[in-house]
């Protein structure tokens, strides 16, 4: 059975959206790189593979940052951590732009991810305001 903290985190829409962003990022990376493993993306010299790897790894990094923010008990630090999440969202957005600037199939999927990131930004703003 989940404890109260895990349950409240799971019910947090901002957290759920960040998980969706990660899943979508991984699917996009698999699609545009012909289902290469993360290790082969990381070690690849191909620009598209590196961009796809950055996209997945940065979107994966967003989830633990939200958990860290939610688990912080000091209100000042919690607000500081929450505000810093904007930086991570922007990095993922930039990864999408880099992928779109290359010749890949599936640009429509990358655009869809960017739209989801815009929604995540809005959720982030509401999340930060809720902590004030």
Protein backbone atom coordinates (compact mmCIF):
# COMPACT_ATOMS: atom_id res chain seq x y z
CA UNK A 1 0.00 0.00 0.00
CA UNK A 2 1.27 3.45 -0.87
CA UNK A 3 2.01 5.91 1.88
CA UNK A 4 0.29 9.30 2.00
CA UNK A 5 3.16 11.17 0.30
CA UNK A 6 3.28 8.76 -2.66
CA UNK A 7 -0.49 8.89 -3.00
CA UNK A 8 -0.60 12.70 -3.02
CA UNK A 9 2.26 12.83 -5.54
CA UNK A 10 0.50 10.36 -7.81
CA UNK A 11 -2.64 12.52 -7.70
CA UNK A 12 -0.71 15.68 -8.62
CA UNK A 13 -1.66 16.53 -12.22
CA UNK A 14 1.65 18.28 -12.82
CA UNK A 15 3.46 15.06 -11.89
CA UNK A 16 1.20 12.98 -14.12
CA UNK A 17 1.79 15.31 -17.06
CA UNK A 18 5.55 15.09 -16.58
CA UNK A 19 5.31 11.29 -16.71
CA UNK A 20 3.29 11.58 -19.91
CA UNK A 21 5.95 13.89 -21.35
CA UNK A 22 8.63 11.31 -20.58
CA UNK A 23 6.65 8.47 -22.15
CA UNK A 24 5.95 10.52 -25.26
CA UNK A 25 9.61 11.59 -25.50
CA UNK A 26 10.75 7.98 -25.33
CA UNK A 27 8.28 6.91 -28.00
CA UNK A 28 9.34 9.76 -30.28
CA UNK A 29 13.02 8.90 -29.80
CA UNK A 30 12.32 5.26 -30.58
CA UNK A 31 10.39 6.21 -33.70
CA UNK A 32 12.90 8.62 -35.19
CA UNK A 33 15.94 6.46 -34.38
CA UNK A 34 14.48 3.15 -35.53
CA UNK A 35 14.07 1.86 -31.96
CA UNK A 36 17.69 2.16 -30.88
CA UNK A 37 18.51 1.52 -27.24
CA UNK A 38 19.34 4.42 -24.97
CA UNK A 39 22.96 3.26 -24.71
CA UNK A 40 23.39 3.25 -28.47
CA UNK A 41 21.80 6.71 -28.67
CA UNK A 42 24.21 7.98 -26.03
CA UNK A 43 27.28 6.60 -27.78
CA UNK A 44 26.17 7.49 -31.30
CA UNK A 45 27.93 10.16 -33.32
CA UNK A 46 24.77 10.86 -35.33
CA UNK A 47 23.31 14.26 -34.50
CA UNK A 48 19.70 13.03 -34.54
CA UNK A 49 20.56 10.24 -32.11
CA UNK A 50 22.23 12.68 -29.72
CA UNK A 51 19.24 15.05 -29.87
CA UNK A 52 16.87 12.16 -29.24
CA UNK A 53 19.01 10.99 -26.32
CA UNK A 54 19.02 14.49 -24.82
CA UNK A 55 15.26 14.71 -25.21
CA UNK A 56 14.64 11.46 -23.37
CA UNK A 57 17.20 12.02 -20.63
CA UNK A 58 16.04 15.57 -19.94
CA UNK A 59 12.40 14.54 -19.82
CA UNK A 60 13.35 11.68 -17.49
CA UNK A 61 15.15 14.14 -15.22
CA UNK A 62 12.02 16.24 -14.79
CA UNK A 63 10.14 13.57 -12.83
CA UNK A 64 12.65 13.22 -9.95
CA UNK A 65 12.87 17.00 -9.68
CA UNK A 66 9.12 17.16 -9.10
CA UNK A 67 9.42 14.43 -6.47
CA UNK A 68 12.26 16.35 -4.82
CA UNK A 69 10.16 19.50 -4.81
CA UNK A 70 7.12 17.78 -3.35
CA UNK A 71 9.13 16.03 -0.65
CA UNK A 72 10.80 19.25 0.53
CA UNK A 73 9.34 20.39 3.85
CA UNK A 74 10.92 23.84 4.02
CA UNK A 75 8.44 26.16 2.22
CA UNK A 76 11.16 28.50 0.96
CA UNK A 77 13.20 25.68 -0.55
CA UNK A 78 10.08 24.05 -1.92
CA UNK A 79 9.20 27.26 -3.76
CA UNK A 80 12.77 27.62 -5.01
CA UNK A 81 12.76 24.05 -6.34
CA UNK A 82 9.34 24.54 -7.90
CA UNK A 83 10.48 27.66 -9.72
CA UNK A 84 13.58 25.87 -11.02
CA UNK A 85 11.40 23.30 -12.78
CA UNK A 86 10.76 25.93 -15.45
CA UNK A 87 14.40 25.57 -16.48
CA UNK A 88 13.99 21.83 -17.09
CA UNK A 89 10.82 22.33 -19.10
CA UNK A 90 12.61 24.89 -21.27
CA UNK A 91 15.50 22.51 -21.92
CA UNK A 92 13.10 19.82 -23.14
CA UNK A 93 11.39 22.39 -25.35
CA UNK A 94 14.77 23.35 -26.83
CA UNK A 95 15.50 19.66 -27.48
CA UNK A 96 12.27 19.51 -29.48
CA UNK A 97 13.29 22.53 -31.54
CA UNK A 98 16.66 20.95 -32.28
CA UNK A 99 14.98 17.77 -33.46
CA UNK A 100 12.56 19.71 -35.63
CA UNK A 101 15.45 21.53 -37.30
CA UNK A 102 16.88 18.21 -38.54
CA UNK A 103 15.62 16.00 -41.31
CA UNK A 104 13.56 13.43 -39.47
CA UNK A 105 10.34 11.65 -40.06
CA UNK A 106 7.86 12.28 -37.30
CA UNK A 107 8.13 16.04 -36.96
CA UNK A 108 4.40 16.01 -36.28
CA UNK A 109 5.06 13.95 -33.15
CA UNK A 110 7.72 16.40 -32.01
CA UNK A 111 5.27 19.27 -32.53
CA UNK A 112 2.72 17.36 -30.48
CA UNK A 113 5.30 17.05 -27.69
CA UNK A 114 5.96 20.79 -27.86
CA UNK A 115 2.23 21.43 -27.42
CA UNK A 116 2.23 19.15 -24.39
CA UNK A 117 5.20 21.08 -23.02
CA UNK A 118 3.27 24.32 -23.39
CA UNK A 119 0.48 22.74 -21.34
CA UNK A 120 3.07 21.63 -18.79
CA UNK A 121 4.37 25.20 -18.57
CA UNK A 122 0.88 26.43 -17.77
CA UNK A 123 0.46 23.72 -15.16
CA UNK A 124 3.84 24.69 -13.73
CA UNK A 125 2.76 28.31 -13.34
CA UNK A 126 -0.36 27.21 -11.47
CA UNK A 127 1.71 24.83 -9.38
CA UNK A 128 4.11 27.59 -8.34
CA UNK A 129 1.22 29.94 -7.56
CA UNK A 130 -0.32 27.28 -5.35
CA UNK A 131 2.85 27.24 -3.25
CA UNK A 132 2.85 30.99 -2.65
